[in-house]
Amino acid sequence: MSVSQLTKFDENVRLALQTSCRIESQNMPETPADITVDDKQMAILMAALEVFRLYGFRRSSMEDIAKTAGMSRAALYLHFRNKQDLFRRLVVVFFAQAVCDLRGELLRDPSRAVTDTLVAGLLAKGGAGMEALFNSPHGHEMMEVKTSAAEEEVAEGMAQLSSVLADWFEDQAALGRVVLDVPASEMARTLLDGLDGVKANATSYQQYLDGVSRLGRVFGKALSA
């Protein structure tokens, strides 16, 4: 598949690279996704994504990525030092999109039931990126590799997701819609840990979706006032 033949995830990545996430709330200040890149870097990231999906991270090479991007390996090194550098950049994009999608869904309809909003937000967080990973023969490898090849980026992305959830929990508690027995930050981290468990144990994208929905409903019903 050439770089121009974009899947749904490719298009989401492209949009994330070109735009900033700016969603405002009284207690949830806007958080722009600072991931702007030029057209050449865009093409390289799209190529890297395709190569990683087809061959997995470990078997992919900078030469593979350069060929898919239609450039020489020397030209590729002018933009990225190695495939780890490329992978880390893609992880940043993935989390930026996840933060945008989670925030957007949590704030979409203030009148919607807490449980329904939470489920919708958690499903949106995974988005097309998670679907692409589960539909790739190397999806689980990439999910495992990201914790070692992009440890700092993953930690920062998880912190941002946790902050979005914690702020929303606090908003809902202030409105009397949820009851928190522990600090909102702890509740957010516990929920994200649960999502990691769902992802690790799912053997298909549909199984992942079902698990996320169940988890969201359990948390939503338990917290609802």
Protein backbone atom coordinates (compact mmCIF):
# COMPACT_ATOMS: atom_id res chain seq x y z
CA MET A 1 0.00 0.00 0.00
CA SER A 2 1.37 3.42 -0.95
CA VAL A 3 1.40 6.42 1.33
CA SER A 4 -1.45 7.99 -0.67
CA GLN A 5 -3.76 5.05 0.07
CA LEU A 6 -4.81 6.20 3.52
CA THR A 7 -6.84 4.10 5.90
CA LYS A 8 -9.17 5.67 8.45
CA PHE A 9 -6.36 5.68 11.01
CA ASP A 10 -3.95 7.30 8.56
CA GLU A 11 -6.46 10.10 8.02
CA ASN A 12 -6.90 10.57 11.77
CA VAL A 13 -3.14 10.78 12.20
CA ARG A 14 -2.93 13.30 9.39
CA LEU A 15 -5.60 15.46 11.02
CA ALA A 16 -3.90 15.19 14.41
CA LEU A 17 -0.63 16.34 12.90
CA GLN A 18 -2.24 19.30 11.17
CA THR A 19 -4.51 20.60 13.91
CA SER A 20 -4.57 21.34 17.63
CA CYS A 21 -7.04 20.02 20.16
CA ARG A 22 -8.78 23.01 21.73
CA ILE A 23 -11.84 22.15 23.78
CA GLU A 24 -12.77 24.44 26.64
CA SER A 25 -14.61 23.86 29.91
CA GLN A 26 -14.77 25.71 33.19
CA ASN A 27 -12.43 23.24 34.90
CA MET A 28 -10.86 21.65 31.82
CA PRO A 29 -8.61 24.28 30.15
CA GLU A 30 -7.74 23.89 26.50
CA THR A 31 -4.73 21.73 25.76
CA PRO A 32 -3.29 22.12 22.27
CA ALA A 33 -1.61 19.12 20.69
CA ASP A 34 1.79 20.58 19.81
CA ILE A 35 2.66 18.17 17.03
CA THR A 36 2.83 20.35 13.92
CA VAL A 37 5.09 18.96 11.19
CA ASP A 38 5.93 19.92 7.62
CA ASP A 39 4.74 18.04 4.53
CA LYS A 40 7.91 15.99 4.22
CA GLN A 41 7.75 14.80 7.82
CA MET A 42 4.07 14.05 7.29
CA ALA A 43 4.90 11.73 4.40
CA ILE A 44 7.61 10.04 6.45
CA LEU A 45 5.30 9.41 9.41
CA MET A 46 2.64 7.96 7.13
CA ALA A 47 5.25 5.68 5.58
CA ALA A 48 6.56 4.59 8.99
CA LEU A 49 3.05 3.81 10.17
CA GLU A 50 2.43 1.62 7.14
CA VAL A 51 5.75 -0.21 7.46
CA PHE A 52 5.30 -0.86 11.19
CA ARG A 53 1.81 -2.19 10.53
CA LEU A 54 2.96 -4.52 7.77
CA TYR A 55 6.22 -5.83 9.26
CA GLY A 56 6.12 -4.98 12.95
CA PHE A 57 8.54 -2.69 14.73
CA ARG A 58 11.44 -5.12 15.19
CA ARG A 59 11.56 -6.27 11.56
CA SER A 60 11.18 -2.80 10.07
CA SER A 61 14.19 -0.83 8.92
CA MET A 62 14.88 2.77 8.00
CA GLU A 63 15.48 1.54 4.46
CA ASP A 64 11.93 0.08 4.35
CA ILE A 65 10.51 3.38 5.57
CA ALA A 66 12.59 5.42 3.12
CA LYS A 67 11.39 3.31 0.18
CA THR A 68 7.76 3.61 1.24
CA ALA A 69 8.16 7.37 1.63
CA GLY A 70 9.79 7.61 -1.80
CA MET A 71 13.12 9.02 -0.64
CA SER A 72 16.68 7.95 -0.02
CA ARG A 73 17.76 6.63 3.34
CA ALA A 74 20.18 9.56 3.65
CA ALA A 75 17.30 12.00 3.16
CA LEU A 76 15.26 10.18 5.79
CA TYR A 77 18.04 10.57 8.35
CA LEU A 78 17.87 14.33 7.90
CA HIS A 79 14.45 14.25 9.55
CA PHE A 80 14.61 11.34 12.02
CA ARG A 81 17.60 9.73 13.69
CA ASN A 82 16.32 6.15 13.65
CA LYS A 83 13.15 4.06 13.69
CA GLN A 84 12.85 4.52 17.46
CA ASP A 85 12.68 8.27 16.91
CA LEU A 86 9.93 7.74 14.32
CA PHE A 87 8.04 5.36 16.56
CA ARG A 88 8.15 7.81 19.46
CA ARG A 89 6.73 10.53 17.24
CA LEU A 90 3.85 8.28 16.21
CA VAL A 91 3.15 7.48 19.86
CA VAL A 92 2.92 11.22 20.57
CA VAL A 93 0.42 11.54 17.71
CA PHE A 94 -1.62 8.59 18.97
CA PHE A 95 -1.93 10.04 22.47
CA ALA A 96 -2.66 13.54 21.18
CA GLN A 97 -5.54 12.13 19.16
CA ALA A 98 -6.73 10.04 22.11
CA VAL A 99 -6.75 13.07 24.41
CA CYS A 100 -8.68 15.13 21.85
CA ASP A 101 -11.25 12.39 21.26
CA LEU A 102 -11.74 11.62 24.95
CA ARG A 103 -12.19 15.27 25.89
CA GLY A 104 -14.54 15.90 23.00
CA GLU A 105 -16.83 13.01 23.88
CA LEU A 106 -16.89 13.77 27.61
CA LEU A 107 -17.95 17.35 26.87
CA ARG A 108 -20.25 16.65 23.93
CA ASP A 109 -23.63 16.53 25.72
CA PRO A 110 -23.88 17.76 29.34
CA SER A 111 -27.38 16.30 29.65
CA ARG A 112 -26.32 12.76 28.73
CA ALA A 113 -26.26 10.17 31.51
CA VAL A 114 -22.91 9.79 33.28
CA THR A 115 -22.59 6.13 32.35
CA ASP A 116 -23.35 6.74 28.68
CA THR A 117 -20.91 9.64 28.54
CA LEU A 118 -18.13 7.66 30.18
CA VAL A 119 -18.60 4.68 27.86
CA ALA A 120 -18.63 6.94 24.80
CA GLY A 121 -15.50 8.73 25.97
CA LEU A 122 -13.55 5.54 26.60
CA LEU A 123 -14.54 4.11 23.23
CA ALA A 124 -13.55 7.35 21.50
CA LYS A 125 -10.18 7.31 23.28
CA GLY A 126 -9.15 4.13 21.47
CA GLY A 127 -10.59 5.25 18.17
CA ALA A 128 -9.34 4.20 14.76
CA GLY A 129 -5.82 3.83 16.10
CA MET A 130 -6.76 0.92 18.32
CA GLU A 131 -8.76 -0.64 15.50
CA ALA A 132 -5.72 -0.44 13.23
CA LEU A 133 -3.51 -2.09 15.85
CA PHE A 134 -5.90 -4.98 16.45
CA ASN A 135 -6.30 -5.48 12.69
CA SER A 136 -2.54 -5.60 12.15
CA PRO A 137 -0.74 -8.95 12.52
CA HIS A 138 1.87 -7.04 14.53
CA GLY A 139 -0.52 -4.99 16.65
CA HIS A 140 0.26 -6.67 19.96
CA GLU A 141 3.99 -6.35 19.30
CA MET A 142 3.64 -2.61 18.74
CA MET A 143 1.59 -2.23 21.91
CA GLU A 144 4.31 -4.05 23.85
CA VAL A 145 7.19 -2.19 22.21
CA LYS A 146 5.76 1.26 22.92
CA THR A 147 6.35 0.87 26.66
CA SER A 148 10.07 0.35 26.08
CA ALA A 149 10.79 2.30 22.89
CA ALA A 150 8.66 5.28 23.91
CA GLU A 151 8.56 5.09 27.70
CA GLU A 152 8.61 8.84 28.32
CA GLU A 153 6.06 9.58 25.61
CA VAL A 154 3.70 6.91 26.94
CA ALA A 155 4.04 8.23 30.50
CA GLU A 156 3.26 11.78 29.36
CA GLY A 157 0.33 10.63 27.24
CA MET A 158 -1.14 8.60 30.08
CA ALA A 159 -0.75 11.57 32.42
CA GLN A 160 -2.69 13.75 30.00
CA LEU A 161 -5.48 11.19 29.69
CA SER A 162 -5.62 10.82 33.46
CA SER A 163 -5.85 14.58 33.86
CA VAL A 164 -8.76 14.80 31.41
CA LEU A 165 -10.67 12.06 33.23
CA ALA A 166 -9.92 13.49 36.67
CA ASP A 167 -11.11 16.96 35.64
CA TRP A 168 -14.32 15.48 34.25
CA PHE A 169 -14.93 13.46 37.42
CA GLU A 170 -14.48 16.64 39.46
CA ASP A 171 -16.87 18.54 37.19
CA GLN A 172 -19.50 15.83 37.57
CA ALA A 173 -19.03 15.65 41.35
CA ALA A 174 -19.48 19.43 41.61
CA LEU A 175 -22.75 19.07 39.71
CA GLY A 176 -23.91 16.31 42.04
CA ARG A 177 -23.96 13.73 39.27
CA VAL A 178 -21.29 11.41 40.71
CA VAL A 179 -20.05 10.53 44.18
CA LEU A 180 -16.29 10.16 44.62
CA ASP A 181 -15.01 8.17 47.61
CA VAL A 182 -11.39 8.74 46.54
CA PRO A 183 -9.63 11.68 44.87
CA ALA A 184 -10.59 12.13 41.22
CA SER A 185 -6.98 11.60 40.15
CA GLU A 186 -6.89 8.16 41.79
CA MET A 187 -10.20 7.20 40.20
CA ALA A 188 -8.88 8.25 36.79
CA ARG A 189 -5.69 6.20 37.18
CA THR A 190 -7.67 3.16 38.33
CA LEU A 191 -9.93 3.41 35.29
CA LEU A 192 -6.98 3.70 32.91
CA ASP A 193 -5.34 0.68 34.56
CA GLY A 194 -8.55 -1.23 33.90
CA LEU A 195 -8.46 -0.19 30.25
CA ASP A 196 -4.90 -1.49 29.96
CA GLY A 197 -6.12 -4.84 31.28
CA VAL A 198 -8.94 -4.95 28.73
CA LYS A 199 -6.51 -4.17 25.92
CA ALA A 200 -3.96 -6.76 27.04
CA ASN A 201 -6.53 -9.55 27.24
CA ALA A 202 -8.54 -8.81 24.10
CA THR A 203 -7.87 -11.05 21.11
CA SER A 204 -9.89 -9.00 18.61
CA TYR A 205 -11.03 -5.43 18.12
CA GLN A 206 -14.64 -6.36 18.84
CA GLN A 207 -13.62 -8.06 22.07
CA TYR A 208 -11.72 -4.92 23.01
CA LEU A 209 -14.80 -2.75 22.33
CA ASP A 210 -17.02 -5.05 24.38
CA GLY A 211 -14.57 -4.99 27.28
CA VAL A 212 -14.26 -1.20 27.22
CA SER A 213 -18.04 -0.83 27.20
CA ARG A 214 -18.43 -3.18 30.17
CA LEU A 215 -15.73 -1.41 32.14
CA GLY A 216 -17.21 1.99 31.44
CA ARG A 217 -20.68 0.88 32.51
CA VAL A 218 -19.39 -0.67 35.73
CA PHE A 219 -17.54 2.52 36.67
CA GLY A 220 -20.34 4.80 35.52
CA LYS A 221 -23.05 3.01 37.47
CA ALA A 222 -20.89 2.73 40.58
CA LEU A 223 -20.12 6.45 40.58
CA SER A 224 -23.53 7.81 39.60
CA ALA A 225 -25.28 9.69 42.39
